[in-house]
């Protein structure tokens, strides 16, 4: 299967959200991580009610972080950045300019692919570098042995099989009404032993 499916899926999702560019990855958490690494962020705030892997990111990549009490709906900013966790946002033309909006296609999300994520951006240079970062530092569609790798990369790319599934499911997802998530869908992470 060709990686063209990934490009086609990126373009289709970007069009739905009204974003100029998109980078497909293997999870929303990894999309947030790549954006933090790309921008060399030194500190963030994290809502007490979110998915726990977001709270692990600071320790994972060695940046300072602290909790923030926030009543968010559909999306939130990682405090102090223009990086948005939009894992549960499903709304046409909802891209916010000058941001990195990170999406989820995990099995509970509106467009359920089992796994996967995407970064929406209006910065072409950032799109190109985030694509390389997600793909082991490589330029897509060129054998890595034929490249002089210049970007630090991570093995976070979306597979063509996942993207193809996304292309097949996308039309029905666009027609269907999404679930409206509420803050109480997430526990207060500060109460978990791992964060005490």
N, C-alpha and C. Protein backbone atom coordinates (compact mmCIF):
# COMPACT_ATOMS: atom_id res chain seq x y z
N UNK A 1 0.84 -1.19 0.00
CA UNK A 1 0.00 0.00 0.00
C UNK A 1 0.88 1.25 0.00
N UNK A 2 0.50 2.26 -0.71
CA UNK A 2 1.29 3.48 -0.89
C UNK A 2 1.01 4.50 0.22
N UNK A 3 2.03 5.30 0.53
CA UNK A 3 1.86 6.39 1.48
C UNK A 3 1.01 7.52 0.91
N UNK A 4 0.61 7.40 -0.36
CA UNK A 4 -0.31 8.38 -0.93
C UNK A 4 -1.61 8.44 -0.14
N UNK A 5 -2.01 7.29 0.44
CA UNK A 5 -3.22 7.27 1.27
C UNK A 5 -3.09 8.20 2.46
N UNK A 6 -1.90 8.29 3.02
CA UNK A 6 -1.68 9.18 4.16
C UNK A 6 -1.84 10.64 3.73
N UNK A 7 -1.23 10.99 2.60
CA UNK A 7 -1.35 12.35 2.08
C UNK A 7 -2.80 12.69 1.77
N UNK A 8 -3.51 11.74 1.16
CA UNK A 8 -4.91 11.98 0.82
C UNK A 8 -5.75 12.18 2.08
N UNK A 9 -5.48 11.39 3.11
CA UNK A 9 -6.21 11.51 4.37
C UNK A 9 -5.89 12.85 5.05
N UNK A 10 -4.62 13.23 5.06
CA UNK A 10 -4.24 14.53 5.62
C UNK A 10 -5.00 15.66 4.92
N UNK A 11 -5.02 15.61 3.61
CA UNK A 11 -5.69 16.67 2.85
C UNK A 11 -7.18 16.71 3.12
N UNK A 12 -7.80 15.53 3.24
CA UNK A 12 -9.25 15.47 3.46
C UNK A 12 -9.62 16.00 4.85
N UNK A 13 -8.85 15.63 5.86
CA UNK A 13 -9.14 16.10 7.22
C UNK A 13 -8.86 17.60 7.32
N UNK A 14 -7.76 18.06 6.73
CA UNK A 14 -7.45 19.49 6.74
C UNK A 14 -8.57 20.28 6.08
N UNK A 15 -9.10 19.78 4.99
CA UNK A 15 -10.21 20.46 4.30
C UNK A 15 -11.44 20.53 5.19
N UNK A 16 -11.77 19.43 5.88
CA UNK A 16 -12.93 19.42 6.77
C UNK A 16 -12.80 20.47 7.86
N UNK A 17 -11.63 20.54 8.48
CA UNK A 17 -11.42 21.49 9.59
C UNK A 17 -11.12 22.90 9.12
N UNK A 18 -10.83 23.06 7.83
CA UNK A 18 -10.49 24.38 7.32
C UNK A 18 -9.07 24.80 7.61
N UNK A 19 -8.17 23.82 7.70
CA UNK A 19 -6.76 24.10 7.96
C UNK A 19 -5.96 24.00 6.66
N UNK A 20 -4.95 24.83 6.48
CA UNK A 20 -4.15 24.74 5.26
C UNK A 20 -3.33 23.45 5.15
N UNK A 21 -2.82 22.95 6.28
CA UNK A 21 -1.91 21.80 6.23
C UNK A 21 -2.22 20.83 7.37
N UNK A 22 -1.79 19.57 7.19
CA UNK A 22 -1.98 18.55 8.23
C UNK A 22 -0.83 17.56 8.18
N UNK A 23 -0.55 16.98 9.34
CA UNK A 23 0.46 15.93 9.48
C UNK A 23 -0.19 14.78 10.25
N UNK A 24 -0.33 13.64 9.61
CA UNK A 24 -0.92 12.46 10.25
C UNK A 24 0.14 11.74 11.08
N UNK A 25 -0.24 11.35 12.29
CA UNK A 25 0.66 10.64 13.19
C UNK A 25 -0.07 9.46 13.81
N UNK A 26 0.63 8.75 14.71
CA UNK A 26 0.04 7.52 15.25
C UNK A 26 -0.80 7.73 16.50
N UNK A 27 -0.80 8.94 17.08
CA UNK A 27 -1.68 9.21 18.22
C UNK A 27 -1.73 10.70 18.48
N UNK A 28 -2.76 11.12 19.17
CA UNK A 28 -2.88 12.54 19.53
C UNK A 28 -1.79 12.94 20.51
N UNK A 29 -1.47 12.07 21.46
CA UNK A 29 -0.41 12.38 22.42
C UNK A 29 0.90 12.64 21.71
N UNK A 30 1.21 11.82 20.72
CA UNK A 30 2.45 12.03 19.97
C UNK A 30 2.38 13.31 19.14
N UNK A 31 1.19 13.69 18.68
CA UNK A 31 1.09 14.96 17.95
C UNK A 31 1.41 16.13 18.89
N UNK A 32 0.90 16.08 20.11
CA UNK A 32 1.22 17.12 21.10
C UNK A 32 2.72 17.14 21.39
N UNK A 33 3.29 15.95 21.57
CA UNK A 33 4.72 15.85 21.86
C UNK A 33 5.56 16.44 20.74
N UNK A 34 5.23 16.09 19.50
CA UNK A 34 6.00 16.61 18.37
C UNK A 34 5.94 18.14 18.31
N UNK A 35 4.76 18.70 18.56
CA UNK A 35 4.63 20.16 18.55
C UNK A 35 5.44 20.80 19.67
N UNK A 36 5.43 20.20 20.84
CA UNK A 36 6.23 20.72 21.96
C UNK A 36 7.71 20.66 21.62
N UNK A 37 8.14 19.55 21.04
CA UNK A 37 9.55 19.42 20.65
C UNK A 37 9.91 20.41 19.54
N UNK A 38 9.04 20.53 18.56
CA UNK A 38 9.31 21.43 17.43
C UNK A 38 9.49 22.88 17.91
N UNK A 39 8.64 23.30 18.84
CA UNK A 39 8.69 24.67 19.33
C UNK A 39 9.68 24.86 20.48
N UNK A 40 10.29 23.76 20.91
CA UNK A 40 11.25 23.81 22.03
C UNK A 40 10.63 24.49 23.26
N UNK A 41 9.42 24.08 23.56
CA UNK A 41 8.68 24.62 24.71
C UNK A 41 9.39 24.21 26.01
N UNK A 42 9.46 25.13 26.96
CA UNK A 42 10.14 24.87 28.22
C UNK A 42 9.19 24.62 29.38
N UNK A 43 7.94 25.10 29.26
CA UNK A 43 6.99 24.91 30.36
C UNK A 43 5.57 24.96 29.82
N UNK A 44 4.70 24.12 30.41
CA UNK A 44 3.29 24.11 30.04
C UNK A 44 2.43 23.97 31.29
N UNK A 45 1.16 24.33 31.14
CA UNK A 45 0.16 23.96 32.13
C UNK A 45 -0.76 22.93 31.49
N UNK A 46 -1.25 22.02 32.32
CA UNK A 46 -2.09 20.91 31.88
C UNK A 46 -3.37 20.90 32.70
N UNK A 47 -4.53 20.81 32.06
CA UNK A 47 -5.77 20.74 32.84
C UNK A 47 -5.79 19.51 33.75
N UNK A 48 -6.41 19.67 34.91
CA UNK A 48 -6.51 18.52 35.81
C UNK A 48 -7.43 17.44 35.25
N UNK A 49 -8.33 17.84 34.35
CA UNK A 49 -9.22 16.87 33.72
C UNK A 49 -8.89 16.77 32.22
N UNK A 50 -8.12 15.76 31.91
CA UNK A 50 -7.75 15.44 30.53
C UNK A 50 -7.29 13.99 30.52
N UNK A 51 -6.81 13.52 29.38
CA UNK A 51 -6.30 12.15 29.34
C UNK A 51 -4.93 12.12 30.00
N UNK A 52 -4.65 11.06 30.76
CA UNK A 52 -3.45 11.05 31.59
C UNK A 52 -2.15 11.10 30.81
N UNK A 53 -2.11 10.64 29.56
CA UNK A 53 -0.85 10.68 28.82
C UNK A 53 -0.38 12.11 28.57
N UNK A 54 -1.32 13.06 28.54
CA UNK A 54 -0.94 14.47 28.37
C UNK A 54 -0.14 14.94 29.59
N UNK A 55 -0.58 14.53 30.77
CA UNK A 55 0.13 14.91 31.99
C UNK A 55 1.50 14.25 32.09
N UNK A 56 1.68 13.13 31.45
CA UNK A 56 2.99 12.47 31.47
C UNK A 56 4.00 13.14 30.52
N UNK A 57 3.52 13.96 29.59
CA UNK A 57 4.40 14.50 28.57
C UNK A 57 5.55 15.34 29.12
N UNK A 58 5.24 16.19 30.11
CA UNK A 58 6.29 17.04 30.66
C UNK A 58 7.47 16.23 31.15
N UNK A 59 7.20 15.21 31.97
CA UNK A 59 8.27 14.36 32.48
C UNK A 59 8.95 13.59 31.34
N UNK A 60 8.17 13.13 30.39
CA UNK A 60 8.72 12.33 29.29
C UNK A 60 9.75 13.10 28.48
N UNK A 61 9.44 14.38 28.17
CA UNK A 61 10.36 15.12 27.30
C UNK A 61 11.18 16.17 28.05
N UNK A 62 11.07 16.16 29.38
CA UNK A 62 11.95 16.99 30.19
C UNK A 62 11.62 18.47 30.19
N UNK A 63 10.33 18.80 30.26
CA UNK A 63 9.94 20.20 30.39
C UNK A 63 9.15 20.39 31.68
N UNK A 64 9.18 21.60 32.21
CA UNK A 64 8.44 21.90 33.44
C UNK A 64 6.95 21.95 33.12
N UNK A 65 6.15 21.49 34.07
CA UNK A 65 4.71 21.57 33.88
C UNK A 65 4.02 21.68 35.23
N UNK A 66 2.82 22.22 35.20
CA UNK A 66 2.01 22.30 36.41
C UNK A 66 0.54 22.18 36.03
N UNK A 67 -0.28 21.90 37.03
CA UNK A 67 -1.72 21.74 36.81
C UNK A 67 -2.39 23.08 36.60
N UNK A 68 -3.54 23.02 35.93
CA UNK A 68 -4.40 24.19 35.78
C UNK A 68 -5.84 23.72 35.89
N UNK A 69 -6.60 24.37 36.76
CA UNK A 69 -8.03 24.10 36.84
C UNK A 69 -8.70 24.85 35.69
N UNK A 70 -9.37 24.12 34.82
CA UNK A 70 -9.93 24.75 33.63
C UNK A 70 -11.21 24.03 33.22
N UNK A 71 -12.27 24.79 33.03
CA UNK A 71 -13.53 24.25 32.53
C UNK A 71 -13.55 24.38 31.01
N UNK A 72 -12.95 23.42 30.35
CA UNK A 72 -12.82 23.52 28.89
C UNK A 72 -13.91 22.71 28.18
N UNK A 73 -14.21 23.13 26.97
CA UNK A 73 -15.20 22.46 26.13
C UNK A 73 -14.59 22.28 24.74
N UNK A 74 -14.61 21.05 24.24
CA UNK A 74 -14.16 20.69 22.89
C UNK A 74 -12.64 20.71 22.71
N UNK A 75 -11.94 21.65 23.34
CA UNK A 75 -10.49 21.71 23.19
C UNK A 75 -9.92 22.61 24.27
N UNK A 76 -8.61 22.53 24.47
CA UNK A 76 -7.90 23.43 25.38
C UNK A 76 -6.48 23.63 24.86
N UNK A 77 -5.89 24.74 25.24
CA UNK A 77 -4.49 25.02 24.94
C UNK A 77 -3.60 24.39 26.01
N UNK A 78 -2.48 23.82 25.61
CA UNK A 78 -1.45 23.52 26.59
C UNK A 78 -0.94 24.88 27.03
N UNK A 79 -1.19 25.22 28.28
CA UNK A 79 -0.99 26.58 28.77
C UNK A 79 0.39 27.12 28.47
N UNK A 80 0.41 28.35 27.93
CA UNK A 80 1.65 29.01 27.59
C UNK A 80 2.11 28.76 26.17
N UNK A 81 1.28 28.06 25.37
CA UNK A 81 1.65 27.73 23.99
C UNK A 81 0.47 28.01 23.05
N UNK A 82 0.73 27.82 21.77
CA UNK A 82 -0.35 27.84 20.77
C UNK A 82 -0.67 26.42 20.29
N UNK A 83 -0.39 25.46 21.15
CA UNK A 83 -0.65 24.04 20.88
C UNK A 83 -1.98 23.67 21.54
N UNK A 84 -2.88 23.12 20.75
CA UNK A 84 -4.23 22.82 21.22
C UNK A 84 -4.48 21.32 21.23
N UNK A 85 -4.95 20.81 22.36
CA UNK A 85 -5.44 19.43 22.41
C UNK A 85 -6.90 19.48 21.99
N UNK A 86 -7.15 19.08 20.75
CA UNK A 86 -8.51 19.06 20.19
C UNK A 86 -8.95 17.63 19.93
N UNK A 87 -8.56 16.73 20.84
CA UNK A 87 -8.82 15.31 20.65
C UNK A 87 -10.30 14.99 20.48
N UNK A 88 -11.17 15.76 21.12
CA UNK A 88 -12.60 15.46 21.05
C UNK A 88 -13.37 16.45 20.19
N UNK A 89 -12.68 17.35 19.54
CA UNK A 89 -13.34 18.34 18.69
C UNK A 89 -13.64 17.75 17.32
N UNK A 90 -14.90 17.80 16.92
CA UNK A 90 -15.29 17.38 15.58
C UNK A 90 -16.27 18.42 15.05
N UNK A 91 -15.75 19.39 14.30
CA UNK A 91 -16.59 20.47 13.81
C UNK A 91 -15.98 21.05 12.54
N UNK A 92 -16.78 21.15 11.52
CA UNK A 92 -16.32 21.67 10.24
C UNK A 92 -15.82 23.11 10.38
N UNK A 93 -14.72 23.41 9.70
CA UNK A 93 -14.13 24.75 9.67
C UNK A 93 -13.83 25.30 11.07
N UNK A 94 -13.36 24.45 11.95
CA UNK A 94 -13.09 24.88 13.32
C UNK A 94 -11.60 25.13 13.60
N UNK A 95 -10.76 25.02 12.57
CA UNK A 95 -9.33 25.28 12.79
C UNK A 95 -9.13 26.74 13.24
N UNK A 96 -8.28 26.92 14.22
CA UNK A 96 -7.96 28.25 14.75
C UNK A 96 -6.61 28.68 14.17
N UNK A 97 -6.58 29.79 13.42
CA UNK A 97 -5.33 30.22 12.79
C UNK A 97 -4.19 30.42 13.78
N UNK A 98 -2.98 30.21 13.27
CA UNK A 98 -1.74 30.40 14.04
C UNK A 98 -1.63 29.45 15.23
N UNK A 99 -2.22 28.27 15.10
CA UNK A 99 -2.11 27.26 16.15
C UNK A 99 -1.69 25.93 15.56
N UNK A 100 -1.34 25.04 16.46
CA UNK A 100 -1.15 23.63 16.14
C UNK A 100 -2.28 22.89 16.84
N UNK A 101 -3.28 22.46 16.08
CA UNK A 101 -4.42 21.74 16.66
C UNK A 101 -4.19 20.24 16.49
N UNK A 102 -4.22 19.54 17.60
CA UNK A 102 -3.92 18.11 17.62
C UNK A 102 -5.19 17.30 17.79
N UNK A 103 -5.42 16.38 16.85
CA UNK A 103 -6.64 15.58 16.79
C UNK A 103 -6.38 14.14 17.20
N UNK A 104 -7.46 13.44 17.56
CA UNK A 104 -7.37 12.02 17.90
C UNK A 104 -8.35 11.20 17.08
N UNK A 105 -7.89 10.03 16.66
CA UNK A 105 -8.75 9.05 15.99
C UNK A 105 -8.77 7.74 16.78
N UNK A 106 -8.57 7.85 18.08
CA UNK A 106 -8.61 6.70 18.98
C UNK A 106 -10.02 6.10 18.97
N UNK A 107 -10.18 4.89 19.45
CA UNK A 107 -11.42 4.14 19.23
C UNK A 107 -12.67 4.79 19.82
N UNK A 108 -12.54 5.66 20.81
CA UNK A 108 -13.72 6.32 21.38
C UNK A 108 -14.09 7.62 20.68
N UNK A 109 -13.25 8.06 19.77
CA UNK A 109 -13.47 9.35 19.13
C UNK A 109 -14.45 9.24 17.96
N UNK A 110 -14.91 10.39 17.49
CA UNK A 110 -15.94 10.43 16.46
C UNK A 110 -15.50 9.70 15.18
N UNK A 111 -14.30 9.98 14.73
CA UNK A 111 -13.72 9.23 13.61
C UNK A 111 -12.81 8.17 14.22
N UNK A 112 -13.36 6.98 14.40
CA UNK A 112 -12.71 5.90 15.13
C UNK A 112 -11.87 5.06 14.17
N UNK A 113 -10.54 5.17 14.31
CA UNK A 113 -9.62 4.33 13.53
C UNK A 113 -8.87 3.36 14.43
N UNK A 114 -9.27 3.30 15.69
CA UNK A 114 -8.56 2.45 16.65
C UNK A 114 -7.39 3.18 17.26
N UNK A 115 -6.67 3.90 16.41
CA UNK A 115 -5.49 4.64 16.85
C UNK A 115 -5.20 5.70 15.79
N UNK A 116 -4.47 6.72 16.17
CA UNK A 116 -4.06 7.72 15.20
C UNK A 116 -4.34 9.12 15.68
N UNK A 117 -3.66 10.08 15.06
CA UNK A 117 -3.84 11.48 15.38
C UNK A 117 -3.41 12.33 14.21
N UNK A 118 -3.54 13.64 14.38
CA UNK A 118 -3.16 14.55 13.31
C UNK A 118 -2.88 15.93 13.89
N UNK A 119 -1.94 16.64 13.25
CA UNK A 119 -1.63 18.01 13.60
C UNK A 119 -2.13 18.90 12.47
N UNK A 120 -2.94 19.88 12.80
CA UNK A 120 -3.39 20.89 11.84
C UNK A 120 -2.59 22.16 12.06
N UNK A 121 -2.15 22.79 10.97
CA UNK A 121 -1.36 24.00 11.07
C UNK A 121 -1.56 24.86 9.83
N UNK A 122 -1.20 26.13 9.94
CA UNK A 122 -1.19 26.99 8.76
C UNK A 122 0.24 27.42 8.41
N UNK A 123 1.21 26.71 8.97
CA UNK A 123 2.63 27.01 8.77
C UNK A 123 3.26 25.89 7.93
N UNK A 124 3.55 26.18 6.67
CA UNK A 124 4.09 25.17 5.75
C UNK A 124 5.44 24.64 6.21
N UNK A 125 6.30 25.54 6.68
CA UNK A 125 7.61 25.12 7.16
C UNK A 125 7.48 24.16 8.34
N UNK A 126 6.56 24.48 9.26
CA UNK A 126 6.31 23.60 10.40
C UNK A 126 5.76 22.26 9.94
N UNK A 127 4.84 22.28 8.99
CA UNK A 127 4.29 21.03 8.48
C UNK A 127 5.41 20.13 7.95
N UNK A 128 6.30 20.70 7.16
CA UNK A 128 7.37 19.91 6.58
C UNK A 128 8.28 19.30 7.66
N UNK A 129 8.64 20.12 8.65
CA UNK A 129 9.53 19.62 9.70
C UNK A 129 8.82 18.62 10.60
N UNK A 130 7.56 18.87 10.95
CA UNK A 130 6.81 17.92 11.78
C UNK A 130 6.63 16.60 11.05
N UNK A 131 6.46 16.62 9.75
CA UNK A 131 6.35 15.40 8.96
C UNK A 131 7.64 14.60 9.06
N UNK A 132 8.78 15.31 8.89
CA UNK A 132 10.07 14.62 9.03
C UNK A 132 10.24 14.06 10.44
N UNK A 133 9.90 14.87 11.45
CA UNK A 133 10.04 14.41 12.83
C UNK A 133 9.20 13.17 13.10
N UNK A 134 8.00 13.11 12.53
CA UNK A 134 7.13 11.95 12.76
C UNK A 134 7.63 10.71 12.04
N UNK A 135 8.49 10.93 11.06
CA UNK A 135 8.89 9.87 10.15
C UNK A 135 10.38 9.57 10.27
N UNK A 136 10.86 9.50 11.52
CA UNK A 136 12.26 9.15 11.81
C UNK A 136 13.26 10.14 11.23
N UNK A 137 12.85 11.38 10.99
CA UNK A 137 13.74 12.36 10.42
C UNK A 137 13.84 12.31 8.91
N UNK A 138 13.11 11.39 8.31
CA UNK A 138 13.21 11.14 6.86
C UNK A 138 12.29 12.04 6.06
N UNK A 139 12.63 12.20 4.80
CA UNK A 139 11.71 12.76 3.83
C UNK A 139 10.84 11.60 3.35
N UNK A 140 9.52 11.76 3.36
CA UNK A 140 8.65 10.68 2.90
C UNK A 140 8.91 10.32 1.44
N UNK A 141 8.67 9.08 1.11
CA UNK A 141 8.71 8.57 -0.26
C UNK A 141 10.11 8.53 -0.88
N UNK A 142 11.16 8.67 -0.06
CA UNK A 142 12.53 8.50 -0.53
C UNK A 142 13.18 7.47 0.39
N UNK A 143 13.79 6.41 -0.15
CA UNK A 143 14.45 5.43 0.73
C UNK A 143 15.43 6.12 1.68
N UNK A 144 15.36 5.77 2.95
CA UNK A 144 16.17 6.48 3.95
C UNK A 144 17.65 6.31 3.69
N UNK A 145 18.04 5.19 3.08
CA UNK A 145 19.46 4.96 2.77
C UNK A 145 19.99 5.98 1.76
N UNK A 146 19.10 6.58 1.00
CA UNK A 146 19.48 7.57 -0.01
C UNK A 146 19.41 9.00 0.51
N UNK A 147 19.19 9.16 1.83
CA UNK A 147 19.04 10.50 2.40
C UNK A 147 20.16 10.81 3.38
N UNK A 148 20.47 12.08 3.50
CA UNK A 148 21.34 12.58 4.56
C UNK A 148 20.40 13.17 5.61
N UNK A 149 20.07 12.40 6.62
CA UNK A 149 19.08 12.81 7.62
C UNK A 149 19.60 14.01 8.41
N UNK A 150 18.79 15.07 8.45
CA UNK A 150 19.19 16.31 9.13
C UNK A 150 18.27 16.66 10.29
N UNK A 151 17.14 15.96 10.41
CA UNK A 151 16.17 16.25 11.47
C UNK A 151 16.14 15.10 12.46
N UNK A 152 16.04 15.45 13.76
CA UNK A 152 15.85 14.41 14.76
C UNK A 152 14.46 13.86 14.60
N UNK A 153 14.34 12.56 14.46
CA UNK A 153 13.05 11.97 14.17
C UNK A 153 12.57 10.98 15.21
N UNK A 154 11.29 10.69 15.13
CA UNK A 154 10.62 9.77 16.04
C UNK A 154 9.75 8.84 15.19
N UNK A 155 9.51 7.71 15.67
CA UNK A 155 8.77 6.70 14.90
C UNK A 155 7.27 6.85 15.18
N UNK A 156 6.69 8.01 14.79
CA UNK A 156 5.32 8.35 15.16
C UNK A 156 4.40 8.52 13.95
N UNK A 157 4.79 8.02 12.79
CA UNK A 157 3.99 8.25 11.60
C UNK A 157 2.73 7.38 11.56
N UNK A 158 1.75 7.82 10.80
CA UNK A 158 0.54 7.04 10.58
C UNK A 158 0.79 6.07 9.42
N UNK A 159 0.36 4.85 9.58
CA UNK A 159 0.54 3.86 8.52
C UNK A 159 -0.46 4.10 7.38
N UNK A 160 -0.11 3.69 6.18
CA UNK A 160 -1.06 3.82 5.07
C UNK A 160 -2.37 3.06 5.31
N UNK A 161 -2.29 1.94 6.01
CA UNK A 161 -3.50 1.15 6.28
C UNK A 161 -4.47 1.93 7.17
N UNK A 162 -3.93 2.61 8.18
CA UNK A 162 -4.78 3.43 9.05
C UNK A 162 -5.38 4.59 8.27
N UNK A 163 -4.56 5.23 7.46
CA UNK A 163 -5.05 6.35 6.66
C UNK A 163 -6.12 5.91 5.68
N UNK A 164 -5.96 4.75 5.08
CA UNK A 164 -6.96 4.25 4.14
C UNK A 164 -8.29 4.01 4.85
N UNK A 165 -8.22 3.46 6.06
CA UNK A 165 -9.43 3.28 6.85
C UNK A 165 -10.07 4.63 7.14
N UNK A 166 -9.25 5.63 7.42
CA UNK A 166 -9.77 6.97 7.67
C UNK A 166 -10.48 7.54 6.46
N UNK A 167 -9.91 7.34 5.29
CA UNK A 167 -10.55 7.82 4.06
C UNK A 167 -11.89 7.15 3.84
N UNK A 168 -11.97 5.87 4.18
CA UNK A 168 -13.22 5.12 3.98
C UNK A 168 -14.29 5.52 4.99
N UNK A 169 -13.89 5.83 6.22
CA UNK A 169 -14.85 6.17 7.27
C UNK A 169 -15.22 7.66 7.31
N UNK A 170 -14.39 8.49 6.71
CA UNK A 170 -14.58 9.93 6.81
C UNK A 170 -15.95 10.42 6.32
N UNK A 171 -16.44 9.97 5.16
CA UNK A 171 -17.75 10.49 4.70
C UNK A 171 -18.88 10.26 5.70
N UNK A 172 -18.92 9.07 6.32
CA UNK A 172 -19.97 8.81 7.31
C UNK A 172 -19.77 9.64 8.57
N UNK A 173 -18.49 9.85 8.96
CA UNK A 173 -18.22 10.66 10.14
C UNK A 173 -18.66 12.10 9.93
N UNK A 174 -18.48 12.61 8.72
CA UNK A 174 -18.89 13.98 8.42
C UNK A 174 -20.41 14.13 8.52
N UNK A 175 -21.14 13.10 8.14
CA UNK A 175 -22.61 13.15 8.18
C UNK A 175 -23.17 12.97 9.58
N UNK A 176 -22.46 12.23 10.43
CA UNK A 176 -22.99 11.87 11.74
C UNK A 176 -22.78 12.99 12.76
N UNK A 177 -23.71 13.08 13.70
CA UNK A 177 -23.60 14.07 14.77
C UNK A 177 -22.60 13.56 15.81
N UNK A 178 -21.61 14.39 16.19
CA UNK A 178 -20.62 13.93 17.18
C UNK A 178 -21.16 13.96 18.59
N UNK A 179 -20.56 13.15 19.44
CA UNK A 179 -20.85 13.18 20.87
C UNK A 179 -20.39 14.51 21.44
N UNK A 180 -21.16 15.06 22.36
CA UNK A 180 -20.72 16.27 23.08
C UNK A 180 -20.09 15.83 24.39
N UNK A 181 -18.79 15.90 24.46
CA UNK A 181 -18.07 15.51 25.66
C UNK A 181 -18.26 16.57 26.74
N UNK A 182 -18.24 16.14 28.00
CA UNK A 182 -18.32 17.07 29.13
C UNK A 182 -17.11 16.84 30.02
N UNK A 183 -16.79 17.84 30.81
CA UNK A 183 -15.59 17.80 31.63
C UNK A 183 -15.53 16.57 32.53
N UNK A 184 -16.69 16.14 33.00
CA UNK A 184 -16.73 15.00 33.91
C UNK A 184 -16.44 13.67 33.22
N UNK A 185 -16.28 13.68 31.89
CA UNK A 185 -15.86 12.46 31.19
C UNK A 185 -14.43 12.08 31.56
N UNK A 186 -13.69 13.02 32.16
CA UNK A 186 -12.33 12.75 32.59
C UNK A 186 -12.25 12.87 34.11
N UNK A 187 -11.55 11.95 34.77
CA UNK A 187 -11.36 12.09 36.22
C UNK A 187 -10.36 13.21 36.52
N UNK A 188 -10.38 13.69 37.75
CA UNK A 188 -9.40 14.67 38.17
C UNK A 188 -8.07 13.95 38.41
N UNK A 189 -7.12 14.20 37.51
CA UNK A 189 -5.84 13.46 37.56
C UNK A 189 -5.05 13.72 38.82
N UNK A 190 -5.25 14.89 39.43
CA UNK A 190 -4.51 15.19 40.66
C UNK A 190 -4.83 14.20 41.78
N UNK A 191 -5.97 13.52 41.69
CA UNK A 191 -6.35 12.57 42.73
C UNK A 191 -5.71 11.19 42.56
N UNK A 192 -5.04 10.97 41.44
CA UNK A 192 -4.42 9.66 41.18
C UNK A 192 -3.05 9.59 41.88
N UNK A 193 -2.74 8.43 42.42
CA UNK A 193 -1.49 8.25 43.17
C UNK A 193 -0.26 8.60 42.33
N UNK A 194 -0.29 8.32 41.03
CA UNK A 194 0.87 8.56 40.19
C UNK A 194 1.24 10.03 40.14
N UNK A 195 0.27 10.91 40.39
CA UNK A 195 0.54 12.35 40.30
C UNK A 195 0.67 13.02 41.67
N UNK A 196 0.66 12.23 42.73
CA UNK A 196 0.77 12.81 44.08
C UNK A 196 2.24 12.93 44.50
